[in-house]
Amino acid sequence: MKQFVENRLAKDRKQEQYTNSIKGMLKDHAIFQGHGEAEFRVENLRNAREHTELQREVLLEHNHVKGQQVRVWTSEVWTIEN
């Protein structure tokens, strides 16, 4: 009877160790999955920032060119009128 109880306890310990190792692997997997999601989000934010900067540069360039065109047009009109 004593041997049966000891065998049962040893078997339960092995099963508990196996269960704990599986739980540890699942925790690690969840952590690694979170890293991938974070990298994806950071990459999306970086792309959005670059897109916004590009739009800002295009708008500034457009405004500068438009301002130059207005100045030239104004000077030509002034020259023609005088």
PDB file of N, CA and C in Angstrom:
ATOM      1  N   MET A   1       0.820  -1.196   0.000  1.00  0.00           N
ATOM      2  CA  MET A   1       0.000   0.000   0.000  1.00  0.00           C
ATOM      3  C   MET A   1       0.862   1.258   0.000  1.00  0.00           C
ATOM      4  N   LYS A   2       1.928   1.254   0.808  1.00  0.00           N
ATOM      5  CA  LYS A   2       2.822   2.411   0.896  1.00  0.00           C
ATOM      6  C   LYS A   2       3.471   2.682  -0.468  1.00  0.00           C
ATOM      7  N   GLN A   3       3.853   1.627  -1.145  1.00  0.00           N
ATOM      8  CA  GLN A   3       4.478   1.775  -2.463  1.00  0.00           C
ATOM      9  C   GLN A   3       3.480   2.368  -3.464  1.00  0.00           C
ATOM     10  N   PHE A   4       2.237   1.954  -3.374  1.00  0.00           N
ATOM     11  CA  PHE A   4       1.197   2.485  -4.253  1.00  0.00           C
ATOM     12  C   PHE A   4       1.032   3.992  -4.048  1.00  0.00           C
ATOM     13  N   VAL A   5       0.999   4.424  -2.801  1.00  0.00           N
ATOM     14  CA  VAL A   5       0.849   5.850  -2.471  1.00  0.00           C
ATOM     15  C   VAL A   5       2.058   6.634  -2.968  1.00  0.00           C
ATOM     16  N   GLU A   6       3.264   6.083  -2.759  1.00  0.00           N
ATOM     17  CA  GLU A   6       4.473   6.772  -3.214  1.00  0.00           C
ATOM     18  C   GLU A   6       4.501   6.883  -4.734  1.00  0.00           C
ATOM     19  N   ASN A   7       4.117   5.823  -5.430  1.00  0.00           N
ATOM     20  CA  ASN A   7       4.050   5.865  -6.896  1.00  0.00           C
ATOM     21  C   ASN A   7       3.038   6.908  -7.363  1.00  0.00           C
ATOM     22  N   ARG A   8       1.912   6.932  -6.684  1.00  0.00           N
ATOM     23  CA  ARG A   8       0.869   7.899  -7.051  1.00  0.00           C
ATOM     24  C   ARG A   8       1.364   9.333  -6.837  1.00  0.00           C
ATOM     25  N   LEU A   9       2.047   9.585  -5.726  1.00  0.00           N
ATOM     26  CA  LEU A   9       2.601  10.920  -5.450  1.00  0.00           C
ATOM     27  C   LEU A   9       3.653  11.303  -6.490  1.00  0.00           C
ATOM     28  N   ALA A  10       4.510  10.388  -6.857  1.00  0.00           N
ATOM     29  CA  ALA A  10       5.536  10.645  -7.868  1.00  0.00           C
ATOM     30  C   ALA A  10       4.878  10.957  -9.210  1.00  0.00           C
ATOM     31  N   LYS A  11       3.857  10.188  -9.540  1.00  0.00           N
ATOM     32  CA  LYS A  11       3.132  10.428 -10.794  1.00  0.00           C
ATOM     33  C   LYS A  11       2.462  11.801 -10.785  1.00  0.00           C
ATOM     34  N   ASP A  12       1.851  12.157  -9.648  1.00  0.00           N
ATOM     35  CA  ASP A  12       1.214  13.479  -9.522  1.00  0.00           C
ATOM     36  C   ASP A  12       2.249  14.603  -9.638  1.00  0.00           C
ATOM     37  N   ARG A  13       3.432  14.417  -9.043  1.00  0.00           N
ATOM     38  CA  ARG A  13       4.494  15.426  -9.125  1.00  0.00           C
ATOM     39  C   ARG A  13       4.950  15.620 -10.578  1.00  0.00           C
ATOM     40  N   LYS A  14       5.122  14.500 -11.284  1.00  0.00           N
ATOM     41  CA  LYS A  14       5.519  14.574 -12.697  1.00  0.00           C
ATOM     42  C   LYS A  14       4.468  15.316 -13.505  1.00  0.00           C
ATOM     43  N   GLN A  15       3.207  14.993 -13.263  1.00  0.00           N
ATOM     44  CA  GLN A  15       2.114  15.639 -13.990  1.00  0.00           C
ATOM     45  C   GLN A  15       2.072  17.136 -13.676  1.00  0.00           C
ATOM     46  N   GLU A  16       2.306  17.493 -12.417  1.00  0.00           N
ATOM     47  CA  GLU A  16       2.315  18.904 -12.017  1.00  0.00           C
ATOM     48  C   GLU A  16       3.484  19.645 -12.674  1.00  0.00           C
ATOM     49  N   GLN A  17       4.659  19.012 -12.737  1.00  0.00           N
ATOM     50  CA  GLN A  17       5.809  19.629 -13.400  1.00  0.00           C
ATOM     51  C   GLN A  17       5.511  19.846 -14.887  1.00  0.00           C
ATOM     52  N   TYR A  18       4.915  18.857 -15.509  1.00  0.00           N
ATOM     53  CA  TYR A  18       4.570  18.967 -16.924  1.00  0.00           C
ATOM     54  C   TYR A  18       3.560  20.107 -17.140  1.00  0.00           C
ATOM     55  N   THR A  19       2.550  20.156 -16.284  1.00  0.00           N
ATOM     56  CA  THR A  19       1.537  21.211 -16.383  1.00  0.00           C
ATOM     57  C   THR A  19       2.172  22.587 -16.192  1.00  0.00           C
ATOM     58  N   ASN A  20       3.058  22.718 -15.213  1.00  0.00           N
ATOM     59  CA  ASN A  20       3.727  23.998 -14.968  1.00  0.00           C
ATOM     60  C   ASN A  20       4.607  24.399 -16.145  1.00  0.00           C
ATOM     61  N   SER A  21       5.285  23.418 -16.760  1.00  0.00           N
ATOM     62  CA  SER A  21       6.126  23.755 -17.913  1.00  0.00           C
ATOM     63  C   SER A  21       5.255  24.223 -19.087  1.00  0.00           C
ATOM     64  N   ILE A  22       4.104  23.588 -19.281  1.00  0.00           N
ATOM     65  CA  ILE A  22       3.189  24.014 -20.346  1.00  0.00           C
ATOM     66  C   ILE A  22       2.681  25.420 -20.063  1.00  0.00           C
ATOM     67  N   LYS A  23       2.313  25.689 -18.808  1.00  0.00           N
ATOM     68  CA  LYS A  23       1.846  27.038 -18.441  1.00  0.00           C
ATOM     69  C   LYS A  23       2.934  28.078 -18.701  1.00  0.00           C
ATOM     70  N   GLY A  24       4.175  27.738 -18.376  1.00  0.00           N
ATOM     71  CA  GLY A  24       5.293  28.651 -18.632  1.00  0.00           C
ATOM     72  C   GLY A  24       5.471  28.922 -20.113  1.00  0.00           C
ATOM     73  N   MET A  25       5.343  27.869 -20.919  1.00  0.00           N
ATOM     74  CA  MET A  25       5.465  28.055 -22.367  1.00  0.00           C
ATOM     75  C   MET A  25       4.339  28.936 -22.904  1.00  0.00           C
ATOM     76  N   LEU A  26       3.134  28.756 -22.379  1.00  0.00           N
ATOM     77  CA  LEU A  26       2.007  29.586 -22.821  1.00  0.00           C
ATOM     78  C   LEU A  26       2.214  31.051 -22.440  1.00  0.00           C
ATOM     79  N   LYS A  27       2.761  31.281 -21.246  1.00  0.00           N
ATOM     80  CA  LYS A  27       3.052  32.660 -20.828  1.00  0.00           C
ATOM     81  C   LYS A  27       4.098  33.287 -21.752  1.00  0.00           C
ATOM     82  N   ASP A  28       5.151  32.526 -22.043  1.00  0.00           N
ATOM     83  CA  ASP A  28       6.189  33.021 -22.952  1.00  0.00           C
ATOM     84  C   ASP A  28       5.604  33.314 -24.330  1.00  0.00           C
ATOM     85  N   HIS A  29       4.759  32.426 -24.796  1.00  0.00           N
ATOM     86  CA  HIS A  29       4.130  32.611 -26.112  1.00  0.00           C
ATOM     87  C   HIS A  29       3.299  33.887 -26.125  1.00  0.00           C
ATOM     88  N   ALA A  30       2.539  34.128 -25.057  1.00  0.00           N
ATOM     89  CA  ALA A  30       1.711  35.335 -24.985  1.00  0.00           C
ATOM     90  C   ALA A  30       2.583  36.593 -24.976  1.00  0.00           C
ATOM     91  N   ILE A  31       3.709  36.524 -24.273  1.00  0.00           N
ATOM     92  CA  ILE A  31       4.616  37.670 -24.228  1.00  0.00           C
ATOM     93  C   ILE A  31       5.193  37.944 -25.613  1.00  0.00           C
ATOM     94  N   PHE A  32       5.657  36.885 -26.277  1.00  0.00           N
ATOM     95  CA  PHE A  32       6.240  37.061 -27.611  1.00  0.00           C
ATOM     96  C   PHE A  32       5.202  37.548 -28.606  1.00  0.00           C
ATOM     97  N   GLN A  33       3.978  37.080 -28.481  1.00  0.00           N
ATOM     98  CA  GLN A  33       2.915  37.536 -29.369  1.00  0.00           C
ATOM     99  C   GLN A  33       2.654  39.018 -29.139  1.00  0.00           C
ATOM    100  N   GLY A  34       2.690  39.451 -27.889  1.00  0.00           N
ATOM    101  CA  GLY A  34       2.504  40.867 -27.562  1.00  0.00           C
ATOM    102  C   GLY A  34       3.588  41.729 -28.177  1.00  0.00           C
ATOM    103  N   HIS A  35       4.831  41.216 -28.206  1.00  0.00           N
ATOM    104  CA  HIS A  35       5.921  41.971 -28.820  1.00  0.00           C
ATOM    105  C   HIS A  35       5.655  42.182 -30.306  1.00  0.00           C
ATOM    106  N   GLY A  36       5.167  41.156 -30.971  1.00  0.00           N
ATOM    107  CA  GLY A  36       4.875  41.270 -32.399  1.00  0.00           C
ATOM    108  C   GLY A  36       3.782  42.291 -32.663  1.00  0.00           C
ATOM    109  N   GLU A  37       2.748  42.285 -31.825  1.00  0.00           N
ATOM    110  CA  GLU A  37       1.670  43.253 -31.986  1.00  0.00           C
ATOM    111  C   GLU A  37       2.176  44.666 -31.734  1.00  0.00           C
ATOM    112  N   ALA A  38       3.043  44.821 -30.739  1.00  0.00           N
ATOM    113  CA  ALA A  38       3.596  46.138 -30.435  1.00  0.00           C
ATOM    114  C   ALA A  38       4.451  46.637 -31.598  1.00  0.00           C
ATOM    115  N   GLU A  39       5.262  45.754 -32.167  1.00  0.00           N
ATOM    116  CA  GLU A  39       6.084  46.159 -33.312  1.00  0.00           C
ATOM    117  C   GLU A  39       5.210  46.586 -34.480  1.00  0.00           C
ATOM    118  N   PHE A  40       4.123  45.861 -34.711  1.00  0.00           N
ATOM    119  CA  PHE A  40       3.201  46.192 -35.795  1.00  0.00           C
ATOM    120  C   PHE A  40       2.585  47.564 -35.563  1.00  0.00           C
ATOM    121  N   ARG A  41       2.169  47.838 -34.322  1.00  0.00           N
ATOM    122  CA  ARG A  41       1.565  49.137 -34.000  1.00  0.00           C
ATOM    123  C   ARG A  41       2.582  50.259 -34.159  1.00  0.00           C
ATOM    124  N   VAL A  42       3.791  50.041 -33.685  1.00  0.00           N
ATOM    125  CA  VAL A  42       4.840  51.063 -33.801  1.00  0.00           C
ATOM    126  C   VAL A  42       5.129  51.347 -35.271  1.00  0.00           C
ATOM    127  N   GLU A  43       5.194  50.301 -36.084  1.00  0.00           N
ATOM    128  CA  GLU A  43       5.450  50.492 -37.515  1.00  0.00           C
ATOM    129  C   GLU A  43       4.320  51.289 -38.173  1.00  0.00           C
ATOM    130  N   ASN A  44       3.079  50.991 -37.794  1.00  0.00           N
ATOM    131  CA  ASN A  44       1.949  51.754 -38.338  1.00  0.00           C
ATOM    132  C   ASN A  44       2.011  53.217 -37.920  1.00  0.00           C
ATOM    133  N   LEU A  45       2.353  53.475 -36.661  1.00  0.00           N
ATOM    134  CA  LEU A  45       2.479  54.861 -36.190  1.00  0.00           C
ATOM    135  C   LEU A  45       3.612  55.580 -36.923  1.00  0.00           C
ATOM    136  N   ARG A  46       4.723  54.887 -37.139  1.00  0.00           N
ATOM    137  CA  ARG A  46       5.856  55.481 -37.852  1.00  0.00           C
ATOM    138  C   ARG A  46       5.460  55.831 -39.284  1.00  0.00           C
ATOM    139  N   ASN A  47       4.757  54.920 -39.947  1.00  0.00           N
ATOM    140  CA  ASN A  47       4.312  55.179 -41.320  1.00  0.00           C
ATOM    141  C   ASN A  47       3.340  56.357 -41.365  1.00  0.00           C
ATOM    142  N   ALA A  48       2.433  56.422 -40.395  1.00  0.00           N
ATOM    143  CA  ALA A  48       1.478  57.535 -40.347  1.00  0.00           C
ATOM    144  C   ALA A  48       2.211  58.863 -40.141  1.00  0.00           C
ATOM    145  N   ARG A  49       3.228  58.871 -39.278  1.00  0.00           N
ATOM    146  CA  ARG A  49       3.995  60.100 -39.033  1.00  0.00           C
ATOM    147  C   ARG A  49       4.737  60.527 -40.298  1.00  0.00           C
ATOM    148  N   GLU A  50       5.348  59.568 -40.988  1.00  0.00           N
ATOM    149  CA  GLU A  50       6.058  59.897 -42.229  1.00  0.00           C
ATOM    150  C   GLU A  50       5.094  60.431 -43.282  1.00  0.00           C
ATOM    151  N   HIS A  51       3.915  59.833 -43.365  1.00  0.00           N
ATOM    152  CA  HIS A  51       2.912  60.290 -44.332  1.00  0.00           C
ATOM    153  C   HIS A  51       2.473  61.725 -44.009  1.00  0.00           C
ATOM    154  N   THR A  52       2.274  62.002 -42.727  1.00  0.00           N
ATOM    155  CA  THR A  52       1.876  63.349 -42.310  1.00  0.00           C
ATOM    156  C   THR A  52       2.974  64.359 -42.629  1.00  0.00           C
ATOM    157  N   GLU A  53       4.224  63.981 -42.365  1.00  0.00           N
ATOM    158  CA  GLU A  53       5.338  64.883 -42.676  1.00  0.00           C
ATOM    159  C   GLU A  53       5.426  65.153 -44.172  1.00  0.00           C
ATOM    160  N   LEU A  54       5.217  64.131 -44.970  1.00  0.00           N
ATOM    161  CA  LEU A  54       5.253  64.291 -46.417  1.00  0.00           C
ATOM    162  C   LEU A  54       4.134  65.223 -46.881  1.00  0.00           C
ATOM    163  N   GLN A  55       2.939  65.048 -46.330  1.00  0.00           N
ATOM    164  CA  GLN A  55       1.821  65.933 -46.687  1.00  0.00           C
ATOM    165  C   GLN A  55       2.129  67.376 -46.295  1.00  0.00           C
ATOM    166  N   ARG A  56       2.738  67.558 -45.122  1.00  0.00           N
ATOM    167  CA  ARG A  56       3.084  68.904 -44.659  1.00  0.00           C
ATOM    168  C   ARG A  56       4.106  69.544 -45.601  1.00  0.00           C
ATOM    169  N   GLU A  57       5.106  68.760 -46.014  1.00  0.00           N
ATOM    170  CA  GLU A  57       6.114  69.289 -46.933  1.00  0.00           C
ATOM    171  C   GLU A  57       5.488  69.679 -48.274  1.00  0.00           C
ATOM    172  N   VAL A  58       4.593  68.847 -48.786  1.00  0.00           N
ATOM    173  CA  VAL A  58       3.939  69.140 -50.058  1.00  0.00           C
ATOM    174  C   VAL A  58       3.107  70.408 -49.933  1.00  0.00           C
ATOM    175  N   LEU A  59       2.378  70.555 -48.821  1.00  0.00           N
ATOM    176  CA  LEU A  59       1.557  71.749 -48.612  1.00  0.00           C
ATOM    177  C   LEU A  59       2.431  72.998 -48.513  1.00  0.00           C
ATOM    178  N   LEU A  60       3.530  72.916 -47.770  1.00  0.00           N
ATOM    179  CA  LEU A  60       4.425  74.068 -47.647  1.00  0.00           C
ATOM    180  C   LEU A  60       5.018  74.441 -49.008  1.00  0.00           C
ATOM    181  N   GLU A  61       5.427  73.439 -49.765  1.00  0.00           N
ATOM    182  CA  GLU A  61       5.982  73.704 -51.090  1.00  0.00           C
ATOM    183  C   GLU A  61       4.926  74.323 -52.003  1.00  0.00           C
ATOM    184  N   HIS A  62       3.703  73.803 -51.936  1.00  0.00           N
ATOM    185  CA  HIS A  62       2.615  74.343 -52.751  1.00  0.00           C
ATOM    186  C   HIS A  62       2.347  75.800 -52.385  1.00  0.00           C
ATOM    187  N   ASN A  63       2.293  76.087 -51.081  1.00  0.00           N
ATOM    188  CA  ASN A  63       2.050  77.461 -50.639  1.00  0.00           C
ATOM    189  C   ASN A  63       3.180  78.392 -51.070  1.00  0.00           C
ATOM    190  N   HIS A  64       4.408  77.900 -51.009  1.00  0.00           N
ATOM    191  CA  HIS A  64       5.546  78.723 -51.415  1.00  0.00           C
ATOM    192  C   HIS A  64       5.466  79.040 -52.922  1.00  0.00           C
ATOM    193  N   VAL A  65       5.206  78.005 -53.725  1.00  0.00           N
ATOM    194  CA  VAL A  65       5.107  78.202 -55.178  1.00  0.00           C
ATOM    195  C   VAL A  65       3.945  79.134 -55.498  1.00  0.00           C
ATOM    196  N   LYS A  66       2.816  78.921 -54.840  1.00  0.00           N
ATOM    197  CA  LYS A  66       1.642  79.765 -55.081  1.00  0.00           C
ATOM    198  C   LYS A  66       1.957  81.217 -54.710  1.00  0.00           C
ATOM    199  N   GLY A  67       2.659  81.420 -53.598  1.00  0.00           N
ATOM    200  CA  GLY A  67       3.048  82.773 -53.187  1.00  0.00           C
ATOM    201  C   GLY A  67       3.962  83.417 -54.220  1.00  0.00           C
ATOM    202  N   GLN A  68       4.911  82.653 -54.740  1.00  0.00           N
ATOM    203  CA  GLN A  68       5.807  83.181 -55.766  1.00  0.00           C
ATOM    204  C   GLN A  68       5.021  83.542 -57.026  1.00  0.00           C
ATOM    205  N   GLN A  69       4.077  82.695 -57.414  1.00  0.00           N
ATOM    206  CA  GLN A  69       3.257  82.975 -58.595  1.00  0.00           C
ATOM    207  C   GLN A  69       2.445  84.247 -58.407  1.00  0.00           C
ATOM    208  N   VAL A  70       1.892  84.437 -57.232  1.00  0.00           N
ATOM    209  CA  VAL A  70       1.115  85.649 -56.953  1.00  0.00           C
ATOM    210  C   VAL A  70       2.010  86.878 -57.019  1.00  0.00           C
ATOM    211  N   ARG A  71       3.211  86.785 -56.476  1.00  0.00           N
ATOM    212  CA  ARG A  71       4.134  87.925 -56.520  1.00  0.00           C
ATOM    213  C   ARG A  71       4.507  88.282 -57.964  1.00  0.00           C
ATOM    214  N   VAL A  72       4.806  87.256 -58.762  1.00  0.00           N
ATOM    215  CA  VAL A  72       5.159  87.499 -60.161  1.00  0.00           C
ATOM    216  C   VAL A  72       3.967  88.108 -60.893  1.00  0.00           C
ATOM    217  N   TRP A  73       2.794  87.534 -60.685  1.00  0.00           N
ATOM    218  CA  TRP A  73       1.591  88.037 -61.354  1.00  0.00           C
ATOM    219  C   TRP A  73       1.317  89.478 -60.937  1.00  0.00           C
ATOM    220  N   THR A  74       1.465  89.782 -59.656  1.00  0.00           N
ATOM    221  CA  THR A  74       1.246  91.133 -59.157  1.00  0.00           C
ATOM    222  C   THR A  74       2.252  92.101 -59.765  1.00  0.00           C
ATOM    223  N   SER A  75       3.516  91.682 -59.838  1.00  0.00           N
ATOM    224  CA  SER A  75       4.534  92.582 -60.409  1.00  0.00           C
ATOM    225  C   SER A  75       4.288  92.792 -61.901  1.00  0.00           C
ATOM    226  N   GLU A  76       3.840  91.762 -62.617  1.00  0.00           N
ATOM    227  CA  GLU A  76       3.540  91.909 -64.040  1.00  0.00           C
ATOM    228  C   GLU A  76       2.343  92.829 -64.253  1.00  0.00           C
ATOM    229  N   VAL A  77       1.317  92.671 -63.442  1.00  0.00           N
ATOM    230  CA  VAL A  77       0.144  93.551 -63.551  1.00  0.00           C
ATOM    231  C   VAL A  77       0.563  94.976 -63.231  1.00  0.00           C
ATOM    232  N   TRP A  78       1.369  95.181 -62.220  1.00  0.00           N
ATOM    233  CA  TRP A  78       1.790  96.515 -61.856  1.00  0.00           C
ATOM    234  C   TRP A  78       2.621  97.131 -62.984  1.00  0.00           C
ATOM    235  N   THR A  79       3.484  96.317 -63.601  1.00  0.00           N
ATOM    236  CA  THR A  79       4.303  96.804 -64.720  1.00  0.00           C
ATOM    237  C   THR A  79       3.434  97.191 -65.902  1.00  0.00           C
ATOM    238  N   ILE A  80       2.439  96.396 -66.202  1.00  0.00           N
ATOM    239  CA  ILE A  80       1.553  96.668 -67.326  1.00  0.00           C
ATOM    240  C   ILE A  80       0.730  97.929 -67.057  1.00  0.00           C
ATOM    241  N   GLU A  81       0.263  98.112 -65.835  1.00  0.00           N
ATOM    242  CA  GLU A  81      -0.563  99.271 -65.511  1.00  0.00           C
ATOM    243  C   GLU A  81       0.255 100.552 -65.511  1.00  0.00           C
ATOM    244  N   ASN A  82       1.520 100.495 -65.214  1.00  0.00           N
ATOM    245  CA  ASN A  82       2.334 101.724 -65.169  1.00  0.00           C
ATOM    246  C   ASN A  82       3.114 101.862 -66.383  1.00  0.00           C
TER     247      ASN A  82
END
